[in-house]
């Protein structure tokens, strides 16, 4: 492998690490969120995902994450406001507003 390709590979790897840190903080934080119950269903943590309330492409960071079950997360991303609220009994805004709560929980346990 040429020196130039190794340099490019290292830069890509560094960017990937930096992007993960910005978007998820750490593997420990990902596990912490996954261990919490779903914000909507309040069920135990099986299948809970780290759901960004502000998309990563729009600058969302680990501070914008709420634990959602996979089905709720899928619907949150795919459905409109009215349809989501009708199905889950919660507005998307009420769920987004909970992100600071989970950030505080993380900071308190760290």
C-alpha atoms as a PDB file:
ATOM      1  CA  UNK A   1       0.000   0.000   0.000  1.00  0.00           C
ATOM      2  CA  UNK A   2       1.358   3.388  -0.908  1.00  0.00           C
ATOM      3  CA  UNK A   3       2.122   6.044   1.667  1.00  0.00           C
ATOM      4  CA  UNK A   4      -0.608   8.281   0.243  1.00  0.00           C
ATOM      5  CA  UNK A   5      -3.251   5.540   0.645  1.00  0.00           C
ATOM      6  CA  UNK A   6      -2.149   4.909   4.244  1.00  0.00           C
ATOM      7  CA  UNK A   7      -2.467   8.623   5.029  1.00  0.00           C
ATOM      8  CA  UNK A   8      -5.948   8.754   3.470  1.00  0.00           C
ATOM      9  CA  UNK A   9      -6.984   5.639   5.402  1.00  0.00           C
ATOM     10  CA  UNK A  10      -5.749   7.156   8.693  1.00  0.00           C
ATOM     11  CA  UNK A  11      -7.635  10.405   8.018  1.00  0.00           C
ATOM     12  CA  UNK A  12     -10.858   8.512   7.304  1.00  0.00           C
ATOM     13  CA  UNK A  13     -10.433   6.466  10.456  1.00  0.00           C
ATOM     14  CA  UNK A  14      -9.843   9.609  12.530  1.00  0.00           C
ATOM     15  CA  UNK A  15     -12.928  11.304  11.051  1.00  0.00           C
ATOM     16  CA  UNK A  16     -15.010   8.197  11.829  1.00  0.00           C
ATOM     17  CA  UNK A  17     -13.844   8.226  15.461  1.00  0.00           C
ATOM     18  CA  UNK A  18     -14.504  11.959  15.807  1.00  0.00           C
ATOM     19  CA  UNK A  19     -17.968  11.644  14.215  1.00  0.00           C
ATOM     20  CA  UNK A  20     -18.890   8.787  16.573  1.00  0.00           C
ATOM     21  CA  UNK A  21     -17.739  10.820  19.584  1.00  0.00           C
ATOM     22  CA  UNK A  22     -19.834  13.801  18.487  1.00  0.00           C
ATOM     23  CA  UNK A  23     -22.935  11.768  17.672  1.00  0.00           C
ATOM     24  CA  UNK A  24     -22.876   9.103  20.407  1.00  0.00           C
ATOM     25  CA  UNK A  25     -20.152  10.195  22.901  1.00  0.00           C
ATOM     26  CA  UNK A  26     -18.837   6.694  23.678  1.00  0.00           C
ATOM     27  CA  UNK A  27     -19.675   2.998  23.637  1.00  0.00           C
ATOM     28  CA  UNK A  28     -20.372   3.302  27.374  1.00  0.00           C
ATOM     29  CA  UNK A  29     -23.015   5.977  26.736  1.00  0.00           C
ATOM     30  CA  UNK A  30     -24.603   3.883  23.972  1.00  0.00           C
ATOM     31  CA  UNK A  31     -24.869   0.957  26.420  1.00  0.00           C
ATOM     32  CA  UNK A  32     -26.207   3.286  29.133  1.00  0.00           C
ATOM     33  CA  UNK A  33     -29.061   4.490  26.890  1.00  0.00           C
ATOM     34  CA  UNK A  34     -29.826   0.959  25.678  1.00  0.00           C
ATOM     35  CA  UNK A  35     -30.168  -0.183  29.299  1.00  0.00           C
ATOM     36  CA  UNK A  36     -32.954   2.341  29.952  1.00  0.00           C
ATOM     37  CA  UNK A  37     -36.640   1.668  29.263  1.00  0.00           C
ATOM     38  CA  UNK A  38     -38.243   3.061  26.119  1.00  0.00           C
ATOM     39  CA  UNK A  39     -39.394   6.661  26.694  1.00  0.00           C
ATOM     40  CA  UNK A  40     -42.792   5.946  25.104  1.00  0.00           C
ATOM     41  CA  UNK A  41     -43.650   2.358  26.012  1.00  0.00           C
ATOM     42  CA  UNK A  42     -41.851   2.418  29.400  1.00  0.00           C
ATOM     43  CA  UNK A  43     -40.996  -1.229  28.866  1.00  0.00           C
ATOM     44  CA  UNK A  44     -37.732  -2.901  29.820  1.00  0.00           C
ATOM     45  CA  UNK A  45     -34.778  -2.250  27.632  1.00  0.00           C
ATOM     46  CA  UNK A  46     -34.904  -5.145  25.145  1.00  0.00           C
ATOM     47  CA  UNK A  47     -34.596  -3.582  21.700  1.00  0.00           C
ATOM     48  CA  UNK A  48     -34.078  -0.012  22.926  1.00  0.00           C
ATOM     49  CA  UNK A  49     -32.133   2.175  20.524  1.00  0.00           C
ATOM     50  CA  UNK A  50     -30.265   5.471  20.796  1.00  0.00           C
ATOM     51  CA  UNK A  51     -32.717   7.735  18.944  1.00  0.00           C
ATOM     52  CA  UNK A  52     -31.437  11.154  17.901  1.00  0.00           C
ATOM     53  CA  UNK A  53     -34.113  13.802  18.339  1.00  0.00           C
ATOM     54  CA  UNK A  54     -32.189  16.120  16.028  1.00  0.00           C
ATOM     55  CA  UNK A  55     -30.871  14.219  13.031  1.00  0.00           C
ATOM     56  CA  UNK A  56     -27.158  13.669  12.870  1.00  0.00           C
ATOM     57  CA  UNK A  57     -27.107  15.282   9.424  1.00  0.00           C
ATOM     58  CA  UNK A  58     -28.636  18.416  10.932  1.00  0.00           C
ATOM     59  CA  UNK A  59     -25.965  18.594  13.612  1.00  0.00           C
ATOM     60  CA  UNK A  60     -27.528  16.345  16.234  1.00  0.00           C
ATOM     61  CA  UNK A  61     -25.170  15.182  18.954  1.00  0.00           C
ATOM     62  CA  UNK A  62     -25.190  12.678  21.787  1.00  0.00           C
ATOM     63  CA  UNK A  63     -27.012  15.300  23.877  1.00  0.00           C
ATOM     64  CA  UNK A  64     -30.062  14.891  21.604  1.00  0.00           C
ATOM     65  CA  UNK A  65     -30.563  11.161  22.273  1.00  0.00           C
ATOM     66  CA  UNK A  66     -33.635   9.546  23.849  1.00  0.00           C
ATOM     67  CA  UNK A  67     -34.078   5.783  24.390  1.00  0.00           C
ATOM     68  CA  UNK A  68     -36.804   4.446  22.108  1.00  0.00           C
ATOM     69  CA  UNK A  69     -37.867   0.901  21.342  1.00  0.00           C
ATOM     70  CA  UNK A  70     -37.067  -0.068  17.758  1.00  0.00           C
ATOM     71  CA  UNK A  71     -40.707   0.078  16.648  1.00  0.00           C
ATOM     72  CA  UNK A  72     -41.282   3.506  18.221  1.00  0.00           C
ATOM     73  CA  UNK A  73     -37.989   4.755  16.739  1.00  0.00           C
ATOM     74  CA  UNK A  74     -38.981   3.548  13.275  1.00  0.00           C
ATOM     75  CA  UNK A  75     -42.380   5.257  13.534  1.00  0.00           C
ATOM     76  CA  UNK A  76     -40.831   8.418  14.996  1.00  0.00           C
ATOM     77  CA  UNK A  77     -38.655   8.778  11.903  1.00  0.00           C
ATOM     78  CA  UNK A  78     -41.260   7.686   9.341  1.00  0.00           C
ATOM     79  CA  UNK A  79     -44.605   9.090  10.510  1.00  0.00           C
ATOM     80  CA  UNK A  80     -45.979  12.571  10.578  1.00  0.00           C
ATOM     81  CA  UNK A  81     -46.816  14.291  13.866  1.00  0.00           C
ATOM     82  CA  UNK A  82     -50.550  13.508  13.847  1.00  0.00           C
ATOM     83  CA  UNK A  83     -50.193   9.869  12.838  1.00  0.00           C
ATOM     84  CA  UNK A  84     -47.432   9.265  15.415  1.00  0.00           C
ATOM     85  CA  UNK A  85     -49.456  10.854  18.228  1.00  0.00           C
ATOM     86  CA  UNK A  86     -52.545   8.863  17.281  1.00  0.00           C
ATOM     87  CA  UNK A  87     -50.583   5.594  17.356  1.00  0.00           C
ATOM     88  CA  UNK A  88     -48.417   6.152  20.440  1.00  0.00           C
ATOM     89  CA  UNK A  89     -50.395   8.689  22.495  1.00  0.00           C
ATOM     90  CA  UNK A  90     -47.418  11.066  22.718  1.00  0.00           C
ATOM     91  CA  UNK A  91     -46.417  14.012  20.607  1.00  0.00           C
ATOM     92  CA  UNK A  92     -42.994  14.007  19.000  1.00  0.00           C
ATOM     93  CA  UNK A  93     -42.283  17.323  20.723  1.00  0.00           C
ATOM     94  CA  UNK A  94     -42.930  15.817  24.159  1.00  0.00           C
ATOM     95  CA  UNK A  95     -40.391  13.091  23.383  1.00  0.00           C
ATOM     96  CA  UNK A  96     -37.824  15.537  21.967  1.00  0.00           C
ATOM     97  CA  UNK A  97     -38.156  17.623  25.132  1.00  0.00           C
ATOM     98  CA  UNK A  98     -36.932  14.655  27.200  1.00  0.00           C
ATOM     99  CA  UNK A  99     -33.425  14.602  25.659  1.00  0.00           C
ATOM    100  CA  UNK A 100     -31.963  16.959  28.322  1.00  0.00           C
ATOM    101  CA  UNK A 101     -33.301  14.627  31.038  1.00  0.00           C
ATOM    102  CA  UNK A 102     -31.295  11.704  29.643  1.00  0.00           C
ATOM    103  CA  UNK A 103     -28.213  13.885  29.303  1.00  0.00           C
ATOM    104  CA  UNK A 104     -28.524  14.794  33.001  1.00  0.00           C
ATOM    105  CA  UNK A 105     -28.896  11.122  33.944  1.00  0.00           C
ATOM    106  CA  UNK A 106     -25.714  10.355  32.035  1.00  0.00           C
ATOM    107  CA  UNK A 107     -23.800  13.194  33.667  1.00  0.00           C
ATOM    108  CA  UNK A 108     -24.983  12.196  37.156  1.00  0.00           C
ATOM    109  CA  UNK A 109     -23.869   8.587  36.786  1.00  0.00           C
ATOM    110  CA  UNK A 110     -20.536   9.430  35.104  1.00  0.00           C
END
